Protein backbone atom coordinates (compact mmCIF):
# COMPACT_ATOMS: atom_id res chain seq x y z
CA MET A 1 -9.03 -68.20 22.41
CA THR A 2 -5.63 -68.90 21.67
CA THR A 3 -3.14 -66.05 22.32
CA ASP A 4 -4.43 -63.60 24.19
CA PHE A 5 -1.85 -61.28 24.89
CA GLY A 6 -2.14 -57.07 24.31
CA ALA A 7 0.44 -54.65 23.89
CA ASP A 8 2.37 -55.12 27.21
CA GLY A 9 2.28 -58.97 26.54
CA LEU A 10 0.03 -59.47 30.04
CA THR A 11 -2.83 -57.60 29.43
CA GLN A 12 -5.93 -60.37 28.46
CA GLN A 13 -7.71 -59.31 25.01
CA GLY A 14 -10.64 -60.77 23.71
CA ASP A 15 -14.60 -62.03 24.63
CA PRO A 16 -14.85 -61.38 28.40
CA ARG A 17 -16.88 -65.06 28.45
CA GLU A 18 -13.72 -66.69 27.07
CA LEU A 19 -11.81 -65.88 30.32
CA ARG A 20 -9.54 -68.84 31.69
CA ASN A 21 -9.97 -70.16 35.06
CA GLU A 22 -6.39 -69.95 36.06
CA THR A 23 -4.38 -68.55 38.98
CA PRO A 24 -2.13 -65.59 37.68
CA GLY A 25 0.83 -67.75 38.44
CA GLN A 26 -1.04 -69.91 36.07
CA ARG A 27 -1.19 -67.48 33.65
CA LEU A 28 2.49 -66.02 33.63
CA ASP A 29 3.06 -69.89 33.23
CA ARG A 30 1.01 -70.39 30.35
CA LYS A 31 2.16 -66.90 28.69
CA TRP A 32 5.36 -68.09 29.16
CA ASN A 33 5.16 -71.44 27.58
CA ASP A 34 3.34 -69.83 24.76
CA ILE A 35 6.82 -67.58 24.24
CA LEU A 36 8.79 -69.97 24.47
CA GLN A 37 7.19 -72.47 21.46
CA GLU A 38 6.52 -69.45 19.39
CA LEU A 39 10.60 -68.37 19.56
CA ARG A 40 11.21 -72.28 18.67
CA VAL A 41 9.14 -71.91 15.80
CA VAL A 42 10.90 -68.47 14.75
CA MET A 43 14.56 -69.45 15.87
CA THR A 44 14.36 -72.83 13.64
CA GLY A 45 13.97 -70.59 10.80
CA THR A 46 15.94 -68.13 11.62
CA GLN A 47 18.65 -70.53 12.19
CA LEU A 48 17.78 -71.54 8.14
CA ILE A 49 18.05 -68.32 6.63
CA THR A 50 21.43 -67.16 8.85
CA GLY A 51 22.79 -70.78 8.33
CA PHE A 52 22.26 -69.73 4.37
CA LEU A 53 23.29 -66.15 4.41
CA LEU A 54 27.08 -66.98 5.94
CA ALA A 55 27.46 -70.03 3.56
CA VAL A 56 27.08 -67.54 0.77
CA ALA A 57 29.89 -65.74 1.05
CA PHE A 58 32.21 -68.93 0.91
CA GLN A 59 30.71 -69.34 -2.42
CA PRO A 60 33.16 -69.20 -5.45
CA LYS A 61 30.13 -66.72 -6.97
CA PHE A 62 30.65 -64.23 -4.22
CA ALA A 63 33.21 -62.31 -5.60
CA ASP A 64 31.36 -61.78 -9.05
CA LEU A 65 28.44 -59.88 -7.11
CA GLN A 66 27.95 -56.21 -7.64
CA ARG A 67 28.23 -53.54 -4.95
CA HIS A 68 24.66 -52.83 -4.16
CA GLU A 69 24.42 -57.04 -4.11
CA VAL A 70 26.98 -57.46 -1.35
CA THR A 71 25.84 -54.01 0.76
CA LEU A 72 22.39 -55.53 0.65
CA TYR A 73 23.88 -59.08 1.50
CA LEU A 74 25.86 -57.48 4.37
CA VAL A 75 22.87 -56.31 6.10
CA LEU A 76 21.25 -58.97 6.02
CA VAL A 77 23.78 -60.76 7.58
CA VAL A 78 23.72 -58.21 10.26
CA LEU A 79 19.64 -58.30 10.44
CA ALA A 80 19.79 -62.28 10.67
CA THR A 81 22.79 -61.92 13.34
CA THR A 82 20.54 -59.37 15.16
CA ALA A 83 17.78 -61.94 15.03
CA THR A 84 19.40 -64.47 16.45
CA MET A 85 20.16 -62.33 19.16
CA LEU A 86 16.75 -61.25 20.12
CA GLY A 87 15.82 -65.18 19.85
CA LEU A 88 18.31 -65.70 22.34
CA ALA A 89 17.54 -62.88 24.69
CA PRO A 90 14.04 -64.02 25.90
CA VAL A 91 16.12 -67.01 27.23
CA ILE A 92 18.80 -65.46 28.77
CA LEU A 93 16.43 -62.96 30.46
CA HIS A 94 14.71 -65.77 32.34
CA ARG A 95 17.86 -67.40 33.26
CA GLU A 96 19.28 -64.16 34.72
CA LEU A 97 15.75 -63.74 36.79
CA SER A 98 14.52 -67.48 37.53
CA GLY A 99 13.66 -68.11 41.02
CA GLN A 100 13.44 -64.40 41.76
CA LYS A 101 9.74 -63.75 41.74
CA GLN A 102 10.02 -61.88 38.20
CA LYS A 103 7.94 -64.09 35.73
CA GLU A 104 5.59 -61.14 35.22
CA ARG A 105 8.61 -58.94 34.31
CA VAL A 106 10.10 -61.97 32.37
CA VAL A 107 6.71 -62.66 30.22
CA ARG A 108 6.43 -58.44 29.56
CA ILE A 109 10.19 -57.86 28.36
CA ALA A 110 10.26 -61.72 26.36
CA ASN A 111 6.90 -60.49 24.79
CA VAL A 112 8.59 -57.21 23.50
CA LEU A 113 11.48 -59.02 22.32
CA LEU A 114 9.70 -61.40 20.23
CA LEU A 115 8.12 -58.80 18.52
CA ALA A 116 10.84 -57.33 17.97
CA LEU A 117 12.43 -60.64 16.58
CA LEU A 118 9.41 -61.25 14.42
CA VAL A 119 9.53 -57.63 13.09
CA VAL A 120 13.41 -58.44 12.16
CA VAL A 121 12.99 -61.81 10.64
CA SER A 122 10.13 -60.43 8.16
CA LEU A 123 12.91 -57.94 7.22
CA VAL A 124 14.98 -60.75 7.02
CA ALA A 125 13.19 -63.41 4.54
CA ALA A 126 12.32 -60.34 2.33
CA GLY A 127 15.95 -59.17 2.17
CA VAL A 128 16.42 -62.39 0.97
CA ALA A 129 13.98 -62.64 -1.77
CA MET A 130 15.40 -59.56 -2.95
CA LEU A 131 18.94 -60.90 -3.01
CA ILE A 132 18.12 -63.98 -4.77
CA PHE A 133 16.21 -62.46 -6.71
CA ASP A 134 18.94 -59.34 -7.68
CA VAL A 135 21.59 -62.50 -8.77
CA ALA A 136 19.16 -65.09 -10.73
CA VAL A 137 17.45 -61.96 -12.50
CA ASN A 138 18.33 -58.46 -12.29
CA GLN A 139 18.16 -55.80 -10.12
CA GLU A 140 14.73 -54.49 -10.52
CA ALA A 141 13.34 -57.99 -9.98
CA GLY A 142 14.80 -57.85 -6.58
CA TRP A 143 13.45 -54.80 -5.90
CA ILE A 144 9.97 -56.75 -7.02
CA ALA A 145 11.11 -59.65 -5.07
CA GLY A 146 11.09 -57.76 -1.56
CA GLY A 147 7.91 -54.97 -2.26
CA VAL A 148 6.14 -58.53 -2.96
CA SER A 149 8.06 -59.75 0.27
CA LEU A 150 6.95 -56.77 2.79
CA VAL A 151 3.05 -56.27 0.77
CA LEU A 152 2.76 -60.09 1.95
CA LEU A 153 3.90 -59.51 5.25
CA LEU A 154 1.49 -56.34 5.91
CA VAL A 155 -1.24 -59.08 4.96
CA PHE A 156 0.20 -61.44 7.45
CA TRP A 157 0.81 -58.99 10.15
CA ILE A 158 -2.37 -56.80 9.80
CA VAL A 159 -5.39 -57.97 7.40
CA VAL A 160 -4.96 -61.52 8.13
CA PRO A 161 -5.48 -61.57 12.30
CA ARG A 162 -8.09 -58.74 11.88
CA ILE A 163 -9.88 -61.42 9.66
CA GLY A 164 -9.57 -63.50 12.49
CA LYS A 165 -10.97 -60.97 15.39
CA ARG A 166 -14.37 -60.62 13.30
CA GLU A 167 -17.10 -62.68 14.95
CA PRO A 168 -18.52 -65.47 12.83
CA LYS A 169 -21.74 -64.47 11.04
CA GLN A 170 -24.83 -66.59 12.61
CA ARG A 171 -26.61 -68.94 9.76
């Protein structure tokens, strides 16, 4: 079993036969390390998208954007900045509570922050696709790209995990 976080970030999910033989402290350390690894992956992409968005405003063609495109761009900058802060929050929390026997609380809160980060980054990714298609093609293409991105997000967030949870067929 890989990531076994429940909604609260701590509850064990899955087949009881697959439970690890670890102490509560080892379990919290493992879960914290899982969160850190997931943050590393998500933050790399978040930083790239944020950098792209910040650079756009300094391009000569930025002045040619229509009002709705500028509005979408600014919303995306706010979301990307929010994503960056959400990615920093678990690390800040850990630094502030380190050594205070609060690891369970840190893991629980960090799990919620990571889920919020994933939602915001997903919205940024869909919004960036929408903005690029809007500018490169037209507004309708932008709406289609944004819609397709959101559908893909739902597939990866809801459908794929459900398929992964299915029991393998017996041969």
